[in-house]
Protein backbone atom coordinates (compact mmCIF):
# COMPACT_ATOMS: atom_id res chain seq x y z
CA UNK A 1 0.00 0.00 0.00
CA UNK A 2 1.16 3.50 -0.72
CA UNK A 3 0.15 6.33 1.60
CA UNK A 4 -2.00 9.02 0.05
CA UNK A 5 -0.76 12.24 1.66
CA UNK A 6 -3.79 14.20 0.48
CA UNK A 7 -6.09 11.69 2.17
CA UNK A 8 -4.01 11.75 5.35
CA UNK A 9 -4.05 15.56 5.40
CA UNK A 10 -7.80 15.58 4.83
CA UNK A 11 -8.33 13.12 7.68
CA UNK A 12 -6.14 15.18 10.00
CA UNK A 13 -8.03 18.38 9.11
CA UNK A 14 -11.39 16.69 9.70
CA UNK A 15 -10.26 15.35 13.08
CA UNK A 16 -8.98 18.79 14.11
CA UNK A 17 -12.42 20.26 13.32
CA UNK A 18 -14.04 17.68 15.59
CA UNK A 19 -11.48 18.39 18.34
CA UNK A 20 -12.17 22.11 18.09
CA UNK A 21 -15.94 21.54 18.20
CA UNK A 22 -15.76 19.07 21.11
CA UNK A 23 -12.70 19.99 23.19
CA UNK A 24 -13.93 18.00 26.18
CA UNK A 25 -13.40 14.72 24.29
CA UNK A 26 -10.12 12.87 23.79
CA UNK A 27 -9.67 11.46 20.29
CA UNK A 28 -6.99 8.98 19.33
CA UNK A 29 -6.52 7.53 15.88
CA UNK A 30 -4.52 4.68 14.45
CA UNK A 31 -4.40 4.16 10.72
CA UNK A 32 -2.34 3.23 7.67
CA UNK A 33 0.78 5.05 8.84
CA UNK A 34 0.90 2.96 12.02
CA UNK A 35 -0.29 -0.25 10.36
CA UNK A 36 2.65 -0.02 7.95
CA UNK A 37 4.97 -0.05 10.97
CA UNK A 38 3.84 -3.54 12.00
CA UNK A 39 3.08 -4.85 8.51
CA UNK A 40 5.18 -3.10 5.83
CA UNK A 41 3.37 -4.74 2.91
CA UNK A 42 -0.18 -4.28 4.22
CA UNK A 43 -2.86 -3.72 1.58
CA UNK A 44 -5.70 -1.20 1.58
CA UNK A 45 -8.16 -4.02 2.31
CA UNK A 46 -6.05 -5.22 5.24
CA UNK A 47 -5.97 -1.67 6.65
CA UNK A 48 -9.76 -1.75 6.68
CA UNK A 49 -9.69 -5.11 8.48
CA UNK A 50 -7.26 -3.66 11.04
CA UNK A 51 -9.47 -0.61 11.62
CA UNK A 52 -12.63 -2.67 11.94
CA UNK A 53 -10.97 -5.01 14.42
CA UNK A 54 -9.73 -2.09 16.52
CA UNK A 55 -13.22 -0.56 16.58
CA UNK A 56 -14.99 -3.83 17.34
CA UNK A 57 -12.67 -4.97 20.12
CA UNK A 58 -11.73 -1.67 21.74
CA UNK A 59 -11.20 -2.01 25.48
CA UNK A 60 -10.90 1.34 27.27
CA UNK A 61 -9.00 -0.35 30.12
CA UNK A 62 -6.14 -1.49 27.91
CA UNK A 63 -6.51 0.92 24.99
CA UNK A 64 -4.76 0.60 21.66
CA UNK A 65 -1.02 -0.05 21.52
CA UNK A 66 1.66 -1.61 19.34
CA UNK A 67 1.16 -5.02 20.91
CA UNK A 68 -2.53 -4.96 19.99
CA UNK A 69 -1.69 -4.00 16.41
CA UNK A 70 0.80 -6.87 16.26
CA UNK A 71 -1.81 -9.27 17.63
CA UNK A 72 -4.32 -8.24 14.96
CA UNK A 73 -1.69 -8.65 12.24
CA UNK A 74 -1.03 -12.17 13.49
CA UNK A 75 -4.60 -13.32 14.21
CA UNK A 76 -6.66 -11.53 11.58
CA UNK A 77 -4.16 -11.18 8.75
CA UNK A 78 -2.25 -14.39 9.47
CA UNK A 79 1.16 -12.69 9.44
CA UNK A 80 4.12 -12.43 11.77
CA UNK A 81 5.87 -9.19 10.85
CA UNK A 82 7.49 -8.03 14.09
CA UNK A 83 6.99 -4.88 16.10
CA UNK A 84 8.63 -1.55 15.22
CA UNK A 85 11.93 -0.84 16.93
């Protein structure tokens, strides 16, 4: 997958609008940039799978972290890529 900088910029701008409108909320996002760190040859379709899995299984007690991304890569995508250094 190749990152689309225009799409990333658009996403960032949209998120900033939401943050400005609702400053009392904390927003965290994980996406293609981070997914590429744990799976360098991830596809667009696999990024969607990663995002869906993160949304479906989110646990506010443990949050989202590199280990969770690695686990999804292994269990949902059937890969063993290794964590970023």
